[in-house]
Amino acid sequence: MTATLSLNEKGQWVLPKKVFQQAHLRPGSKVRISHVEEGVLLSPVEQSWEEELQAVIKATGYPSGPEPKNAAKRIKQIIQRVRRGA
């Protein structure tokens, strides 16, 4: 897919929704910009495991968190949601 972007007065780009979705980006996602022979290449930067863990802990409602008997199941569900960007 190819898209045309415009820089706003602050020098910021807004990605078209379709590009945003196809690249599996979400607000706060990091994107690497590289200068290549053909021009500029944007590529998503994977979330570090530390960032993913922080997002999981935050989503559990820590410090109150889930009930101990459901904790493993709840954490697996949250990890899946975080990876999807939900």
N, C-alpha and C. Protein backbone atom coordinates (compact mmCIF):
# COMPACT_ATOMS: atom_id res chain seq x y z
N MET A 1 0.84 -1.17 0.00
CA MET A 1 0.00 0.00 0.00
C MET A 1 0.89 1.24 0.00
N THR A 2 0.49 2.23 -0.75
CA THR A 2 1.20 3.50 -0.81
C THR A 2 0.23 4.60 -0.39
N ALA A 3 0.73 5.55 0.38
CA ALA A 3 -0.10 6.67 0.83
C ALA A 3 0.71 7.95 0.77
N THR A 4 0.04 9.07 0.62
CA THR A 4 0.69 10.37 0.62
C THR A 4 0.41 11.04 1.95
N LEU A 5 1.46 11.56 2.57
CA LEU A 5 1.34 12.23 3.87
C LEU A 5 1.69 13.69 3.70
N SER A 6 1.09 14.50 4.53
CA SER A 6 1.44 15.93 4.57
C SER A 6 1.95 16.26 5.96
N LEU A 7 2.95 17.11 6.01
CA LEU A 7 3.45 17.59 7.30
C LEU A 7 2.60 18.78 7.73
N ASN A 8 2.22 18.81 9.01
CA ASN A 8 1.49 19.97 9.50
C ASN A 8 2.48 21.06 9.91
N GLU A 9 1.99 22.15 10.43
CA GLU A 9 2.85 23.28 10.77
C GLU A 9 3.86 22.95 11.87
N LYS A 10 3.60 21.88 12.65
CA LYS A 10 4.53 21.44 13.69
C LYS A 10 5.54 20.42 13.17
N GLY A 11 5.43 20.09 11.89
CA GLY A 11 6.34 19.09 11.31
C GLY A 11 5.92 17.67 11.63
N GLN A 12 4.64 17.46 11.95
CA GLN A 12 4.13 16.13 12.30
C GLN A 12 3.36 15.54 11.13
N TRP A 13 3.43 14.22 11.03
CA TRP A 13 2.68 13.49 10.01
C TRP A 13 1.48 12.85 10.67
N VAL A 14 0.43 12.69 9.90
CA VAL A 14 -0.72 11.90 10.33
C VAL A 14 -0.85 10.77 9.33
N LEU A 15 -0.76 9.54 9.83
CA LEU A 15 -0.88 8.38 8.95
C LEU A 15 -2.35 8.13 8.63
N PRO A 16 -2.67 7.80 7.39
CA PRO A 16 -4.03 7.41 7.07
C PRO A 16 -4.44 6.19 7.91
N LYS A 17 -5.71 6.12 8.27
CA LYS A 17 -6.22 5.07 9.15
C LYS A 17 -5.87 3.68 8.62
N LYS A 18 -6.00 3.48 7.32
CA LYS A 18 -5.73 2.15 6.74
C LYS A 18 -4.26 1.75 6.94
N VAL A 19 -3.35 2.69 6.76
CA VAL A 19 -1.92 2.42 6.97
C VAL A 19 -1.68 2.10 8.44
N PHE A 20 -2.27 2.91 9.31
CA PHE A 20 -2.16 2.75 10.76
C PHE A 20 -2.59 1.34 11.17
N GLN A 21 -3.73 0.90 10.64
CA GLN A 21 -4.27 -0.42 10.97
C GLN A 21 -3.43 -1.55 10.39
N GLN A 22 -3.04 -1.43 9.12
CA GLN A 22 -2.27 -2.49 8.48
C GLN A 22 -0.90 -2.69 9.13
N ALA A 23 -0.35 -1.62 9.69
CA ALA A 23 0.95 -1.71 10.35
C ALA A 23 0.81 -2.13 11.81
N HIS A 24 -0.44 -2.36 12.25
CA HIS A 24 -0.73 -2.76 13.63
C HIS A 24 -0.19 -1.73 14.63
N LEU A 25 -0.36 -0.45 14.28
CA LEU A 25 0.07 0.63 15.17
C LEU A 25 -1.08 1.04 16.07
N ARG A 26 -0.75 1.68 17.16
CA ARG A 26 -1.75 2.24 18.07
C ARG A 26 -1.16 3.52 18.65
N PRO A 27 -2.00 4.34 19.26
CA PRO A 27 -1.45 5.58 19.84
C PRO A 27 -0.28 5.25 20.78
N GLY A 28 0.79 5.96 20.62
CA GLY A 28 1.98 5.73 21.44
C GLY A 28 2.97 4.76 20.83
N SER A 29 2.60 4.10 19.71
CA SER A 29 3.52 3.19 19.04
C SER A 29 4.76 3.97 18.58
N LYS A 30 5.88 3.28 18.62
CA LYS A 30 7.12 3.88 18.13
C LYS A 30 7.36 3.43 16.70
N VAL A 31 7.84 4.36 15.88
CA VAL A 31 8.11 4.07 14.48
C VAL A 31 9.53 4.55 14.17
N ARG A 32 10.29 3.71 13.50
CA ARG A 32 11.66 4.05 13.11
C ARG A 32 11.60 4.68 11.71
N ILE A 33 12.30 5.77 11.53
CA ILE A 33 12.40 6.40 10.20
C ILE A 33 13.83 6.20 9.71
N SER A 34 13.95 5.68 8.51
CA SER A 34 15.26 5.41 7.92
C SER A 34 15.35 6.09 6.56
N HIS A 35 16.50 6.66 6.28
CA HIS A 35 16.76 7.23 4.96
C HIS A 35 17.32 6.11 4.10
N VAL A 36 16.64 5.81 3.02
CA VAL A 36 17.07 4.76 2.09
C VAL A 36 17.26 5.39 0.72
N GLU A 37 17.84 4.63 -0.19
CA GLU A 37 18.13 5.16 -1.52
C GLU A 37 16.90 5.76 -2.20
N GLU A 38 15.75 5.12 -2.02
CA GLU A 38 14.53 5.57 -2.68
C GLU A 38 13.86 6.74 -1.96
N GLY A 39 14.25 7.03 -0.72
CA GLY A 39 13.63 8.11 0.03
C GLY A 39 13.63 7.81 1.52
N VAL A 40 12.44 7.73 2.10
CA VAL A 40 12.29 7.53 3.54
C VAL A 40 11.47 6.26 3.78
N LEU A 41 11.89 5.46 4.74
CA LEU A 41 11.19 4.23 5.10
C LEU A 41 10.75 4.33 6.55
N LEU A 42 9.47 4.10 6.80
CA LEU A 42 8.94 4.05 8.16
C LEU A 42 8.69 2.59 8.52
N SER A 43 9.16 2.18 9.70
CA SER A 43 8.92 0.81 10.13
C SER A 43 8.61 0.79 11.63
N PRO A 44 7.62 -0.04 12.02
CA PRO A 44 7.26 -0.11 13.43
C PRO A 44 8.40 -0.65 14.28
N VAL A 45 8.51 -0.16 15.50
CA VAL A 45 9.49 -0.65 16.46
C VAL A 45 8.72 -1.53 17.44
N GLU A 46 9.17 -2.76 17.60
CA GLU A 46 8.51 -3.68 18.51
C GLU A 46 8.57 -3.16 19.95
N GLN A 47 7.50 -3.38 20.67
CA GLN A 47 7.46 -3.00 22.08
C GLN A 47 8.38 -3.93 22.86
N SER A 48 9.19 -3.36 23.75
CA SER A 48 10.09 -4.19 24.55
C SER A 48 9.26 -5.00 25.54
N TRP A 49 9.84 -6.07 26.04
CA TRP A 49 9.09 -6.89 26.99
C TRP A 49 8.81 -6.10 28.26
N GLU A 50 9.70 -5.15 28.60
CA GLU A 50 9.47 -4.33 29.79
C GLU A 50 8.23 -3.45 29.60
N GLU A 51 8.11 -2.84 28.41
CA GLU A 51 6.96 -1.99 28.13
C GLU A 51 5.68 -2.81 28.09
N GLU A 52 5.77 -4.01 27.52
CA GLU A 52 4.59 -4.88 27.45
C GLU A 52 4.17 -5.30 28.85
N LEU A 53 5.13 -5.64 29.71
CA LEU A 53 4.82 -6.04 31.08
C LEU A 53 4.19 -4.89 31.85
N GLN A 54 4.73 -3.68 31.67
CA GLN A 54 4.14 -2.51 32.34
C GLN A 54 2.70 -2.30 31.90
N ALA A 55 2.42 -2.48 30.62
CA ALA A 55 1.06 -2.34 30.12
C ALA A 55 0.14 -3.41 30.70
N VAL A 56 0.66 -4.63 30.85
CA VAL A 56 -0.13 -5.73 31.43
C VAL A 56 -0.45 -5.42 32.88
N ILE A 57 0.55 -4.99 33.65
CA ILE A 57 0.34 -4.68 35.06
C ILE A 57 -0.67 -3.56 35.20
N LYS A 58 -0.54 -2.53 34.38
CA LYS A 58 -1.46 -1.41 34.43
C LYS A 58 -2.89 -1.87 34.11
N ALA A 59 -3.04 -2.75 33.12
CA ALA A 59 -4.36 -3.23 32.71
C ALA A 59 -5.01 -4.13 33.77
N THR A 60 -4.21 -4.75 34.65
CA THR A 60 -4.79 -5.61 35.69
C THR A 60 -5.41 -4.81 36.81
N GLY A 61 -5.11 -3.51 36.86
CA GLY A 61 -5.63 -2.69 37.94
C GLY A 61 -4.74 -2.73 39.16
N TYR A 62 -3.49 -3.13 39.00
CA TYR A 62 -2.54 -3.20 40.11
C TYR A 62 -2.59 -1.88 40.88
N PRO A 63 -2.56 -1.84 42.20
CA PRO A 63 -2.20 -2.95 43.07
C PRO A 63 -3.36 -3.86 43.48
N SER A 64 -4.61 -3.44 43.22
CA SER A 64 -5.72 -4.30 43.65
C SER A 64 -5.74 -5.61 42.87
N GLY A 65 -5.55 -5.53 41.55
CA GLY A 65 -5.38 -6.69 40.70
C GLY A 65 -6.52 -7.69 40.73
N PRO A 66 -6.40 -8.77 39.94
CA PRO A 66 -7.43 -9.80 39.87
C PRO A 66 -7.36 -10.75 41.06
N GLU A 67 -8.38 -11.53 41.21
CA GLU A 67 -8.39 -12.57 42.25
C GLU A 67 -7.29 -13.57 41.93
N PRO A 68 -6.56 -14.07 42.96
CA PRO A 68 -5.46 -15.00 42.72
C PRO A 68 -5.85 -16.23 41.90
N LYS A 69 -7.06 -16.78 42.11
CA LYS A 69 -7.44 -17.99 41.39
C LYS A 69 -7.61 -17.75 39.89
N ASN A 70 -7.91 -16.51 39.48
CA ASN A 70 -8.10 -16.20 38.07
C ASN A 70 -6.94 -15.41 37.48
N ALA A 71 -5.89 -15.18 38.26
CA ALA A 71 -4.81 -14.30 37.83
C ALA A 71 -4.14 -14.77 36.54
N ALA A 72 -3.79 -16.04 36.44
CA ALA A 72 -3.07 -16.54 35.25
C ALA A 72 -3.92 -16.37 34.00
N LYS A 73 -5.19 -16.73 34.08
CA LYS A 73 -6.08 -16.60 32.94
C LYS A 73 -6.24 -15.13 32.56
N ARG A 74 -6.44 -14.28 33.55
CA ARG A 74 -6.64 -12.85 33.32
C ARG A 74 -5.40 -12.22 32.69
N ILE A 75 -4.21 -12.59 33.17
CA ILE A 75 -2.97 -12.04 32.61
C ILE A 75 -2.79 -12.49 31.17
N LYS A 76 -3.10 -13.74 30.84
CA LYS A 76 -3.00 -14.20 29.45
C LYS A 76 -3.93 -13.40 28.55
N GLN A 77 -5.16 -13.15 29.02
CA GLN A 77 -6.11 -12.36 28.24
C GLN A 77 -5.59 -10.93 28.03
N ILE A 78 -5.03 -10.37 29.07
CA ILE A 78 -4.53 -8.99 28.98
C ILE A 78 -3.34 -8.91 28.04
N ILE A 79 -2.44 -9.89 28.10
CA ILE A 79 -1.29 -9.91 27.19
C ILE A 79 -1.78 -9.94 25.75
N GLN A 80 -2.79 -10.75 25.45
CA GLN A 80 -3.34 -10.81 24.11
C GLN A 80 -3.93 -9.48 23.68
N ARG A 81 -4.65 -8.82 24.60
CA ARG A 81 -5.24 -7.50 24.31
C ARG A 81 -4.15 -6.45 24.05
N VAL A 82 -3.12 -6.47 24.87
CA VAL A 82 -2.02 -5.50 24.71
C VAL A 82 -1.33 -5.72 23.38
N ARG A 83 -1.11 -6.95 23.00
CA ARG A 83 -0.45 -7.25 21.72
C ARG A 83 -1.30 -6.81 20.53
N ARG A 84 -2.63 -6.86 20.68
CA ARG A 84 -3.53 -6.41 19.62
C ARG A 84 -3.68 -4.90 19.63
N GLY A 85 -3.24 -4.26 20.71
CA GLY A 85 -3.37 -2.82 20.81
C GLY A 85 -4.70 -2.37 21.33
N ALA A 86 -5.43 -3.28 21.93
CA ALA A 86 -6.76 -2.93 22.46
C ALA A 86 -6.67 -2.20 23.77
